[in-house]
Amino acid sequence: MRIFNAIFVVSNSIQSDNMTKNDVLRRLRYTFNFGDDDMISIFELADVAVSRAQVSDWLKKDTDEQFRPIPDDQLAAFLNGLIISKRGKKDGPPMPIEKKLNNNMILRKLKIALNLKDHDMLDLMKLADFNLSKHELSAFFRNPKQSQYRECLDQVLRVFLQGLQKQERGENE
């Protein structure tokens, strides 16, 4: 169990505030340079219609009067659409859209969408100056009922997204 303590020790360069679902959406938009039309199209791939105004309100700063928190099912739909846009549509019934999302589910969907292996994910975290073992990473993808399961904290998801941004855009935050 001691190996998981490293997950909770995060460098001072990582913000300590909570990461919202809107933060995830904003970071993905910036990382992949998605325009409004791209964002709407990704939602449509998951058979979810959203307006430009909704997307705009979800992407606004939290302090803006027009800011609206993105519901979990809408972010799940976006991530499902991202999977389809990056990997193609599978035969059979569409992916179910989760009503409740947590960081572990978000990380899993990004892993699938980007076709990442464990070593790829660890490399992305290293780009953001964060070291995690393969065992620590695999604990995020286990069944929550297993004793080895670990909750993916905001800091870990933030580090992953920072590493992804560095890889995709070749820059720092």
N, C-alpha and C. Protein backbone atom coordinates (compact mmCIF):
# COMPACT_ATOMS: atom_id res chain seq x y z
N MET A 1 0.81 -1.20 0.00
CA MET A 1 0.00 0.00 0.00
C MET A 1 0.86 1.26 0.00
N ARG A 2 2.11 1.16 0.44
CA ARG A 2 2.94 2.34 0.52
C ARG A 2 3.25 2.93 -0.85
N ILE A 3 3.25 2.09 -1.89
CA ILE A 3 3.58 2.63 -3.21
C ILE A 3 2.56 3.66 -3.68
N PHE A 4 1.36 3.59 -3.14
CA PHE A 4 0.33 4.53 -3.55
C PHE A 4 0.47 5.88 -2.87
N ASN A 5 1.31 5.98 -1.87
CA ASN A 5 1.52 7.27 -1.21
C ASN A 5 2.11 8.29 -2.17
N ALA A 6 2.86 7.82 -3.16
CA ALA A 6 3.46 8.73 -4.14
C ALA A 6 2.39 9.47 -4.93
N ILE A 7 1.22 8.87 -5.08
CA ILE A 7 0.14 9.51 -5.80
C ILE A 7 -0.30 10.78 -5.08
N PHE A 8 -0.24 10.75 -3.77
CA PHE A 8 -0.75 11.86 -2.99
C PHE A 8 0.28 12.96 -2.78
N VAL A 9 1.55 12.67 -3.09
CA VAL A 9 2.59 13.67 -2.95
C VAL A 9 2.77 14.32 -4.31
N VAL A 10 2.37 15.55 -4.41
CA VAL A 10 2.38 16.24 -5.69
C VAL A 10 3.27 17.47 -5.57
N SER A 11 4.02 17.74 -6.62
CA SER A 11 4.95 18.86 -6.58
C SER A 11 4.22 20.19 -6.44
N ASN A 12 4.94 21.21 -5.98
CA ASN A 12 4.35 22.53 -5.77
C ASN A 12 3.91 23.18 -7.07
N SER A 13 4.40 22.70 -8.20
CA SER A 13 4.03 23.32 -9.47
C SER A 13 2.61 22.97 -9.90
N ILE A 14 2.01 21.99 -9.23
CA ILE A 14 0.66 21.59 -9.58
C ILE A 14 -0.32 22.32 -8.68
N GLN A 15 -1.35 22.87 -9.28
CA GLN A 15 -2.33 23.63 -8.51
C GLN A 15 -3.05 22.70 -7.55
N SER A 16 -3.48 23.24 -6.41
CA SER A 16 -4.14 22.42 -5.41
C SER A 16 -5.66 22.55 -5.46
N ASP A 17 -6.19 23.45 -6.29
CA ASP A 17 -7.64 23.61 -6.34
C ASP A 17 -8.27 22.42 -7.07
N ASN A 18 -9.57 22.25 -6.84
CA ASN A 18 -10.28 21.14 -7.45
C ASN A 18 -10.40 21.32 -8.95
N MET A 19 -10.29 20.22 -9.65
CA MET A 19 -10.43 20.24 -11.09
C MET A 19 -11.89 19.93 -11.41
N THR A 20 -12.51 20.79 -12.19
CA THR A 20 -13.92 20.59 -12.54
C THR A 20 -14.01 19.87 -13.89
N LYS A 21 -15.20 19.40 -14.18
CA LYS A 21 -15.45 18.77 -15.49
C LYS A 21 -15.25 19.80 -16.60
N ASN A 22 -15.59 21.07 -16.31
CA ASN A 22 -15.38 22.14 -17.29
C ASN A 22 -13.89 22.32 -17.57
N ASP A 23 -13.05 22.17 -16.55
CA ASP A 23 -11.59 22.26 -16.75
C ASP A 23 -11.12 21.19 -17.73
N VAL A 24 -11.67 19.98 -17.60
CA VAL A 24 -11.30 18.89 -18.50
C VAL A 24 -11.67 19.27 -19.93
N LEU A 25 -12.91 19.74 -20.11
CA LEU A 25 -13.37 20.13 -21.44
C LEU A 25 -12.50 21.25 -22.02
N ARG A 26 -12.20 22.27 -21.21
CA ARG A 26 -11.36 23.39 -21.67
C ARG A 26 -9.98 22.90 -22.09
N ARG A 27 -9.38 22.04 -21.27
CA ARG A 27 -8.03 21.57 -21.56
C ARG A 27 -7.99 20.73 -22.84
N LEU A 28 -9.01 19.89 -23.02
CA LEU A 28 -9.05 19.07 -24.24
C LEU A 28 -9.24 19.95 -25.47
N ARG A 29 -10.08 20.96 -25.36
CA ARG A 29 -10.29 21.88 -26.48
C ARG A 29 -8.98 22.56 -26.85
N TYR A 30 -8.26 23.06 -25.84
CA TYR A 30 -7.00 23.74 -26.09
C TYR A 30 -5.94 22.78 -26.62
N THR A 31 -5.83 21.62 -25.99
CA THR A 31 -4.80 20.65 -26.38
C THR A 31 -4.92 20.24 -27.84
N PHE A 32 -6.15 19.98 -28.28
CA PHE A 32 -6.35 19.51 -29.65
C PHE A 32 -6.80 20.61 -30.60
N ASN A 33 -6.81 21.86 -30.11
CA ASN A 33 -7.14 23.02 -30.93
C ASN A 33 -8.50 22.86 -31.61
N PHE A 34 -9.50 22.41 -30.84
CA PHE A 34 -10.85 22.24 -31.35
C PHE A 34 -11.55 23.59 -31.41
N GLY A 35 -12.17 23.88 -32.55
CA GLY A 35 -13.04 25.04 -32.66
C GLY A 35 -14.44 24.67 -32.20
N ASP A 36 -15.33 25.65 -32.18
CA ASP A 36 -16.71 25.39 -31.76
C ASP A 36 -17.36 24.31 -32.62
N ASP A 37 -17.17 24.39 -33.93
CA ASP A 37 -17.77 23.40 -34.83
C ASP A 37 -17.22 22.00 -34.55
N ASP A 38 -15.92 21.91 -34.26
CA ASP A 38 -15.32 20.62 -33.92
C ASP A 38 -15.96 20.05 -32.65
N MET A 39 -16.13 20.91 -31.65
CA MET A 39 -16.71 20.47 -30.38
C MET A 39 -18.13 19.94 -30.60
N ILE A 40 -18.93 20.69 -31.35
CA ILE A 40 -20.31 20.28 -31.62
C ILE A 40 -20.33 18.97 -32.38
N SER A 41 -19.43 18.81 -33.35
CA SER A 41 -19.35 17.58 -34.13
C SER A 41 -18.99 16.37 -33.27
N ILE A 42 -18.11 16.59 -32.30
CA ILE A 42 -17.71 15.48 -31.41
C ILE A 42 -18.91 15.04 -30.57
N PHE A 43 -19.69 15.99 -30.07
CA PHE A 43 -20.90 15.63 -29.34
C PHE A 43 -21.85 14.84 -30.25
N GLU A 44 -21.99 15.29 -31.51
CA GLU A 44 -22.90 14.64 -32.45
C GLU A 44 -22.49 13.20 -32.73
N LEU A 45 -21.19 12.91 -32.69
CA LEU A 45 -20.73 11.53 -32.90
C LEU A 45 -21.28 10.59 -31.83
N ALA A 46 -21.58 11.14 -30.66
CA ALA A 46 -22.17 10.36 -29.57
C ALA A 46 -23.69 10.49 -29.57
N ASP A 47 -24.24 10.99 -30.68
CA ASP A 47 -25.69 11.17 -30.82
C ASP A 47 -26.28 12.12 -29.78
N VAL A 48 -25.52 13.17 -29.47
CA VAL A 48 -25.98 14.19 -28.54
C VAL A 48 -25.89 15.54 -29.24
N ALA A 49 -27.02 16.25 -29.28
CA ALA A 49 -27.06 17.56 -29.91
C ALA A 49 -26.84 18.63 -28.84
N VAL A 50 -25.87 19.49 -29.10
CA VAL A 50 -25.63 20.63 -28.21
C VAL A 50 -25.56 21.88 -29.08
N SER A 51 -25.88 23.00 -28.47
CA SER A 51 -25.83 24.26 -29.20
C SER A 51 -24.47 24.93 -28.99
N ARG A 52 -24.16 25.84 -29.88
CA ARG A 52 -22.94 26.64 -29.76
C ARG A 52 -22.95 27.42 -28.43
N ALA A 53 -24.12 27.90 -28.04
CA ALA A 53 -24.25 28.66 -26.79
C ALA A 53 -23.94 27.77 -25.58
N GLN A 54 -24.42 26.52 -25.60
CA GLN A 54 -24.11 25.61 -24.49
C GLN A 54 -22.61 25.38 -24.39
N VAL A 55 -21.99 25.07 -25.51
CA VAL A 55 -20.55 24.82 -25.52
C VAL A 55 -19.81 26.06 -25.03
N SER A 56 -20.22 27.21 -25.51
CA SER A 56 -19.58 28.46 -25.11
C SER A 56 -19.70 28.68 -23.59
N ASP A 57 -20.88 28.44 -23.05
CA ASP A 57 -21.09 28.63 -21.61
C ASP A 57 -20.26 27.64 -20.78
N TRP A 58 -20.09 26.42 -21.28
CA TRP A 58 -19.28 25.42 -20.57
C TRP A 58 -17.79 25.78 -20.59
N LEU A 59 -17.37 26.50 -21.62
CA LEU A 59 -15.95 26.82 -21.77
C LEU A 59 -15.55 28.13 -21.10
N LYS A 60 -16.52 28.91 -20.65
CA LYS A 60 -16.23 30.18 -20.00
C LYS A 60 -15.52 29.96 -18.66
N LYS A 61 -14.84 30.99 -18.22
CA LYS A 61 -14.20 30.96 -16.90
C LYS A 61 -15.28 30.82 -15.83
N ASP A 62 -14.92 30.19 -14.74
CA ASP A 62 -15.88 29.95 -13.65
C ASP A 62 -16.44 31.25 -13.08
N THR A 63 -15.71 32.34 -13.23
CA THR A 63 -16.15 33.63 -12.67
C THR A 63 -17.08 34.40 -13.61
N ASP A 64 -17.20 33.95 -14.85
CA ASP A 64 -18.06 34.63 -15.82
C ASP A 64 -19.53 34.40 -15.46
N GLU A 65 -20.35 35.44 -15.62
CA GLU A 65 -21.79 35.33 -15.31
C GLU A 65 -22.48 34.26 -16.15
N GLN A 66 -22.02 34.06 -17.38
CA GLN A 66 -22.68 33.11 -18.27
C GLN A 66 -22.12 31.69 -18.16
N PHE A 67 -21.13 31.49 -17.29
CA PHE A 67 -20.57 30.16 -17.07
C PHE A 67 -21.66 29.20 -16.60
N ARG A 68 -21.63 27.99 -17.14
CA ARG A 68 -22.52 26.92 -16.70
C ARG A 68 -21.67 25.66 -16.51
N PRO A 69 -21.86 24.96 -15.40
CA PRO A 69 -21.14 23.70 -15.22
C PRO A 69 -21.65 22.66 -16.22
N ILE A 70 -20.74 21.90 -16.79
CA ILE A 70 -21.15 20.86 -17.72
C ILE A 70 -21.63 19.65 -16.92
N PRO A 71 -22.80 19.15 -17.23
CA PRO A 71 -23.29 17.95 -16.53
C PRO A 71 -22.42 16.74 -16.86
N ASP A 72 -22.35 15.80 -15.94
CA ASP A 72 -21.54 14.61 -16.14
C ASP A 72 -21.91 13.87 -17.42
N ASP A 73 -23.22 13.73 -17.68
CA ASP A 73 -23.62 12.98 -18.87
C ASP A 73 -23.20 13.69 -20.16
N GLN A 74 -23.12 15.02 -20.14
CA GLN A 74 -22.68 15.75 -21.33
C GLN A 74 -21.17 15.56 -21.56
N LEU A 75 -20.38 15.59 -20.48
CA LEU A 75 -18.94 15.34 -20.63
C LEU A 75 -18.71 13.90 -21.06
N ALA A 76 -19.48 12.97 -20.52
CA ALA A 76 -19.36 11.56 -20.93
C ALA A 76 -19.66 11.42 -22.42
N ALA A 77 -20.68 12.14 -22.89
CA ALA A 77 -21.02 12.11 -24.32
C ALA A 77 -19.88 12.67 -25.15
N PHE A 78 -19.29 13.78 -24.70
CA PHE A 78 -18.17 14.36 -25.42
C PHE A 78 -17.01 13.37 -25.49
N LEU A 79 -16.68 12.73 -24.37
CA LEU A 79 -15.57 11.77 -24.36
C LEU A 79 -15.89 10.56 -25.24
N ASN A 80 -17.14 10.11 -25.25
CA ASN A 80 -17.53 9.02 -26.15
C ASN A 80 -17.38 9.46 -27.61
N GLY A 81 -17.77 10.69 -27.90
CA GLY A 81 -17.60 11.22 -29.25
C GLY A 81 -16.14 11.34 -29.62
N LEU A 82 -15.30 11.71 -28.65
CA LEU A 82 -13.86 11.79 -28.90
C LEU A 82 -13.30 10.41 -29.24
N ILE A 83 -13.78 9.39 -28.54
CA ILE A 83 -13.35 8.02 -28.84
C ILE A 83 -13.71 7.67 -30.27
N ILE A 84 -14.94 7.99 -30.67
CA ILE A 84 -15.39 7.70 -32.03
C ILE A 84 -14.59 8.50 -33.05
N SER A 85 -14.31 9.77 -32.76
CA SER A 85 -13.57 10.60 -33.72
C SER A 85 -12.14 10.12 -33.89
N LYS A 86 -11.54 9.60 -32.84
CA LYS A 86 -10.14 9.17 -32.91
C LYS A 86 -9.99 7.71 -33.35
N ARG A 87 -10.97 6.86 -33.02
CA ARG A 87 -10.83 5.42 -33.25
C ARG A 87 -11.82 4.86 -34.26
N GLY A 88 -12.87 5.63 -34.57
CA GLY A 88 -13.90 5.13 -35.48
C GLY A 88 -15.07 4.54 -34.71
N LYS A 89 -16.19 4.46 -35.39
CA LYS A 89 -17.42 3.96 -34.77
C LYS A 89 -17.40 2.43 -34.79
N LYS A 90 -17.77 1.84 -33.67
CA LYS A 90 -17.84 0.38 -33.57
C LYS A 90 -19.20 -0.10 -34.06
N ASP A 91 -19.22 -1.34 -34.54
CA ASP A 91 -20.50 -1.96 -34.89
C ASP A 91 -21.27 -2.25 -33.62
N GLY A 92 -22.58 -2.31 -33.74
CA GLY A 92 -23.40 -2.64 -32.59
C GLY A 92 -24.00 -1.42 -31.96
N PRO A 93 -24.54 -1.61 -30.77
CA PRO A 93 -25.21 -0.48 -30.10
C PRO A 93 -24.21 0.59 -29.70
N PRO A 94 -24.68 1.84 -29.62
CA PRO A 94 -23.77 2.93 -29.23
C PRO A 94 -23.30 2.76 -27.78
N MET A 95 -22.17 3.39 -27.49
CA MET A 95 -21.64 3.35 -26.12
C MET A 95 -22.64 4.02 -25.19
N PRO A 96 -22.86 3.42 -24.03
CA PRO A 96 -23.77 4.07 -23.08
C PRO A 96 -23.14 5.36 -22.54
N ILE A 97 -23.98 6.32 -22.27
CA ILE A 97 -23.51 7.59 -21.71
C ILE A 97 -23.74 7.55 -20.20
N GLU A 98 -22.67 7.62 -19.46
CA GLU A 98 -22.74 7.55 -18.01
C GLU A 98 -23.44 8.79 -17.45
N LYS A 99 -24.22 8.58 -16.42
CA LYS A 99 -24.91 9.69 -15.76
C LYS A 99 -24.00 10.37 -14.75
N LYS A 100 -23.03 9.62 -14.23
CA LYS A 100 -22.11 10.14 -13.22
C LYS A 100 -20.70 9.76 -13.66
N LEU A 101 -19.80 10.74 -13.66
CA LEU A 101 -18.41 10.52 -14.06
C LEU A 101 -17.48 10.80 -12.89
N ASN A 102 -16.39 10.06 -12.82
CA ASN A 102 -15.33 10.40 -11.88
C ASN A 102 -14.02 10.47 -12.66
N ASN A 103 -12.96 10.86 -12.01
CA ASN A 103 -11.68 11.03 -12.69
C ASN A 103 -11.17 9.72 -13.29
N ASN A 104 -11.43 8.60 -12.62
CA ASN A 104 -11.00 7.31 -13.15
C ASN A 104 -11.66 7.03 -14.50
N MET A 105 -12.95 7.34 -14.60
CA MET A 105 -13.68 7.11 -15.86
C MET A 105 -13.17 8.05 -16.95
N ILE A 106 -12.91 9.28 -16.58
CA ILE A 106 -12.38 10.25 -17.56
C ILE A 106 -11.03 9.78 -18.08
N LEU A 107 -10.16 9.36 -17.17
CA LEU A 107 -8.83 8.87 -17.56
C LEU A 107 -8.95 7.65 -18.48
N ARG A 108 -9.86 6.73 -18.14
CA ARG A 108 -10.07 5.54 -18.97
C ARG A 108 -10.55 5.91 -20.37
N LYS A 109 -11.50 6.82 -20.46
CA LYS A 109 -12.03 7.23 -21.77
C LYS A 109 -10.94 7.91 -22.61
N LEU A 110 -10.11 8.72 -21.97
CA LEU A 110 -9.01 9.35 -22.71
C LEU A 110 -7.98 8.32 -23.17
N LYS A 111 -7.72 7.34 -22.33
CA LYS A 111 -6.80 6.26 -22.70
C LYS A 111 -7.32 5.53 -23.94
N ILE A 112 -8.62 5.24 -23.95
CA ILE A 112 -9.23 4.55 -25.09
C ILE A 112 -9.22 5.44 -26.33
N ALA A 113 -9.66 6.68 -26.18
CA ALA A 113 -9.75 7.59 -27.32
C ALA A 113 -8.40 7.77 -28.00
N LEU A 114 -7.36 7.89 -27.22
CA LEU A 114 -6.03 8.17 -27.76
C LEU A 114 -5.22 6.91 -28.01
N ASN A 115 -5.85 5.75 -27.77
CA ASN A 115 -5.21 4.46 -28.01
C ASN A 115 -3.87 4.36 -27.27
N LEU A 116 -3.89 4.73 -26.00
CA LEU A 116 -2.67 4.77 -25.20
C LEU A 116 -2.45 3.46 -24.45
N LYS A 117 -1.24 3.05 -24.39
CA LYS A 117 -0.84 1.92 -23.54
C LYS A 117 -0.35 2.51 -22.22
N ASP A 118 -0.16 1.64 -21.23
CA ASP A 118 0.29 2.12 -19.93
C ASP A 118 1.57 2.93 -20.03
N HIS A 119 2.55 2.43 -20.81
CA HIS A 119 3.82 3.16 -20.90
C HIS A 119 3.65 4.53 -21.57
N ASP A 120 2.69 4.64 -22.48
CA ASP A 120 2.41 5.95 -23.10
C ASP A 120 1.88 6.94 -22.06
N MET A 121 0.98 6.44 -21.21
CA MET A 121 0.40 7.31 -20.18
C MET A 121 1.46 7.73 -19.17
N LEU A 122 2.33 6.81 -18.81
CA LEU A 122 3.40 7.13 -17.86
C LEU A 122 4.35 8.15 -18.47
N ASP A 123 4.63 8.01 -19.77
CA ASP A 123 5.49 8.98 -20.46
C ASP A 123 4.87 10.37 -20.47
N LEU A 124 3.54 10.44 -20.68
CA LEU A 124 2.86 11.73 -20.66
C LEU A 124 2.97 12.38 -19.28
N MET A 125 2.86 11.58 -18.24
CA MET A 125 2.98 12.13 -16.89
C MET A 125 4.40 12.60 -16.61
N LYS A 126 5.37 11.89 -17.17
CA LYS A 126 6.77 12.32 -17.00
C LYS A 126 7.01 13.66 -17.69
N LEU A 127 6.33 13.89 -18.82
CA LEU A 127 6.45 15.18 -19.50
C LEU A 127 6.03 16.33 -18.58
N ALA A 128 5.13 16.02 -17.66
CA ALA A 128 4.65 17.03 -16.70
C ALA A 128 5.39 16.89 -15.36
N ASP A 129 6.56 16.24 -15.41
CA ASP A 129 7.42 16.09 -14.23
C ASP A 129 6.74 15.36 -13.08
N PHE A 130 6.02 14.30 -13.39
CA PHE A 130 5.36 13.49 -12.38
C PHE A 130 5.63 12.03 -12.67
N ASN A 131 6.19 11.34 -11.69
CA ASN A 131 6.50 9.93 -11.86
C ASN A 131 5.47 9.07 -11.14
N LEU A 132 5.00 8.08 -11.84
CA LEU A 132 4.02 7.15 -11.33
C LEU A 132 4.45 5.77 -11.79
N SER A 133 4.29 4.75 -10.97
CA SER A 133 4.66 3.40 -11.39
C SER A 133 3.52 2.78 -12.20
N LYS A 134 3.85 1.74 -12.93
CA LYS A 134 2.84 1.04 -13.73
C LYS A 134 1.76 0.45 -12.82
N HIS A 135 2.16 -0.02 -11.64
CA HIS A 135 1.19 -0.59 -10.69
C HIS A 135 0.25 0.49 -10.15
N GLU A 136 0.78 1.66 -9.89
CA GLU A 136 -0.07 2.76 -9.41
C GLU A 136 -1.07 3.17 -10.49
N LEU A 137 -0.59 3.23 -11.74
CA LEU A 137 -1.48 3.59 -12.84
C LEU A 137 -2.57 2.54 -13.03
N SER A 138 -2.20 1.27 -13.00
CA SER A 138 -3.18 0.21 -13.24
C SER A 138 -4.26 0.19 -12.16
N ALA A 139 -3.95 0.68 -10.96
CA ALA A 139 -4.95 0.71 -9.89
C ALA A 139 -6.12 1.63 -10.24
N PHE A 140 -5.90 2.62 -11.09
CA PHE A 140 -6.97 3.52 -11.51
C PHE A 140 -7.97 2.84 -12.43
N PHE A 141 -7.55 1.78 -13.09
CA PHE A 141 -8.40 1.12 -14.08
C PHE A 141 -9.02 -0.17 -13.57
N ARG A 142 -8.84 -0.47 -12.32
CA ARG A 142 -9.42 -1.67 -11.73
C ARG A 142 -10.88 -1.45 -11.36
N ASN A 143 -11.55 -2.55 -11.09
CA ASN A 143 -12.92 -2.50 -10.62
C ASN A 143 -12.92 -1.85 -9.24
N PRO A 144 -13.82 -0.89 -9.00
CA PRO A 144 -13.84 -0.21 -7.69
C PRO A 144 -14.03 -1.16 -6.50
N LYS A 145 -14.54 -2.35 -6.75
CA LYS A 145 -14.74 -3.31 -5.66
C LYS A 145 -13.47 -4.06 -5.29
N GLN A 146 -12.44 -3.97 -6.14
CA GLN A 146 -11.18 -4.65 -5.84
C GLN A 146 -10.38 -3.86 -4.82
N SER A 147 -9.64 -4.57 -4.00
CA SER A 147 -8.86 -3.90 -2.95
C SER A 147 -7.72 -3.07 -3.54
N GLN A 148 -7.25 -3.39 -4.76
CA GLN A 148 -6.15 -2.65 -5.38
C GLN A 148 -6.61 -1.37 -6.07
N TYR A 149 -7.93 -1.18 -6.19
CA TYR A 149 -8.47 0.00 -6.84
C TYR A 149 -8.07 1.26 -6.07
N ARG A 150 -7.72 2.31 -6.81
CA ARG A 150 -7.42 3.60 -6.20
C ARG A 150 -8.16 4.69 -6.96
N GLU A 151 -8.63 5.67 -6.23
CA GLU A 151 -9.31 6.81 -6.83
C GLU A 151 -8.27 7.71 -7.50
N CYS A 152 -8.56 8.13 -8.71
CA CYS A 152 -7.70 9.06 -9.43
C CYS A 152 -8.00 10.46 -8.92
N LEU A 153 -7.04 11.05 -8.26
CA LEU A 153 -7.22 12.38 -7.70
C LEU A 153 -7.11 13.45 -8.78
N ASP A 154 -7.65 14.62 -8.48
CA ASP A 154 -7.61 15.74 -9.41
C ASP A 154 -6.19 16.03 -9.87
N GLN A 155 -5.23 15.96 -8.95
CA GLN A 155 -3.84 16.27 -9.29
C GLN A 155 -3.30 15.32 -10.36
N VAL A 156 -3.66 14.05 -10.26
CA VAL A 156 -3.17 13.07 -11.23
C VAL A 156 -3.79 13.32 -12.60
N LEU A 157 -5.09 13.56 -12.64
CA LEU A 157 -5.75 13.86 -13.91
C LEU A 157 -5.18 15.14 -14.51
N ARG A 158 -4.94 16.14 -13.68
CA ARG A 158 -4.37 17.41 -14.15
C ARG A 158 -2.99 17.18 -14.76
N VAL A 159 -2.17 16.39 -14.09
CA VAL A 159 -0.82 16.09 -14.59
C VAL A 159 -0.90 15.36 -15.93
N PHE A 160 -1.80 14.41 -16.03
CA PHE A 160 -1.97 13.68 -17.29
C PHE A 160 -2.34 14.65 -18.42
N LEU A 161 -3.29 15.54 -18.16
CA LEU A 161 -3.72 16.51 -19.17
C LEU A 161 -2.60 17.50 -19.52
N GLN A 162 -1.79 17.86 -18.53
CA GLN A 162 -0.64 18.74 -18.79
C GLN A 162 0.37 18.04 -19.70
N GLY A 163 0.65 16.77 -19.42
CA GLY A 163 1.58 16.02 -20.26
C GLY A 163 1.04 15.85 -21.67
N LEU A 164 -0.25 15.59 -21.78
CA LEU A 164 -0.88 15.46 -23.09
C LEU A 164 -0.77 16.77 -23.86
N GLN A 165 -0.99 17.87 -23.17
CA GLN A 165 -0.88 19.19 -23.81
C GLN A 165 0.55 19.43 -24.29
N LYS A 166 1.52 19.10 -23.47
CA LYS A 166 2.92 19.28 -23.87
C LYS A 166 3.25 18.44 -25.09
N GLN A 167 2.74 17.23 -25.13
CA GLN A 167 3.02 16.36 -26.28
C GLN A 167 2.33 16.87 -27.54
N GLU A 168 1.07 17.22 -27.44
CA GLU A 168 0.28 17.62 -28.61
C GLU A 168 0.64 19.01 -29.13
N ARG A 169 0.92 19.91 -28.22
CA ARG A 169 1.17 21.30 -28.62
C ARG A 169 2.64 21.69 -28.52
N GLY A 170 3.43 20.85 -27.87
CA GLY A 170 4.85 21.15 -27.75
C GLY A 170 5.14 22.38 -26.92
N GLU A 171 4.32 22.58 -25.88
CA GLU A 171 4.49 23.78 -25.06
C GLU A 171 4.09 23.50 -23.63
N ASN A 172 4.39 24.44 -22.77
CA ASN A 172 3.95 24.38 -21.37
C ASN A 172 2.61 25.06 -21.26
N GLU A 173 1.99 24.92 -20.08
CA GLU A 173 0.71 25.59 -19.83
C GLU A 173 0.94 27.05 -19.91
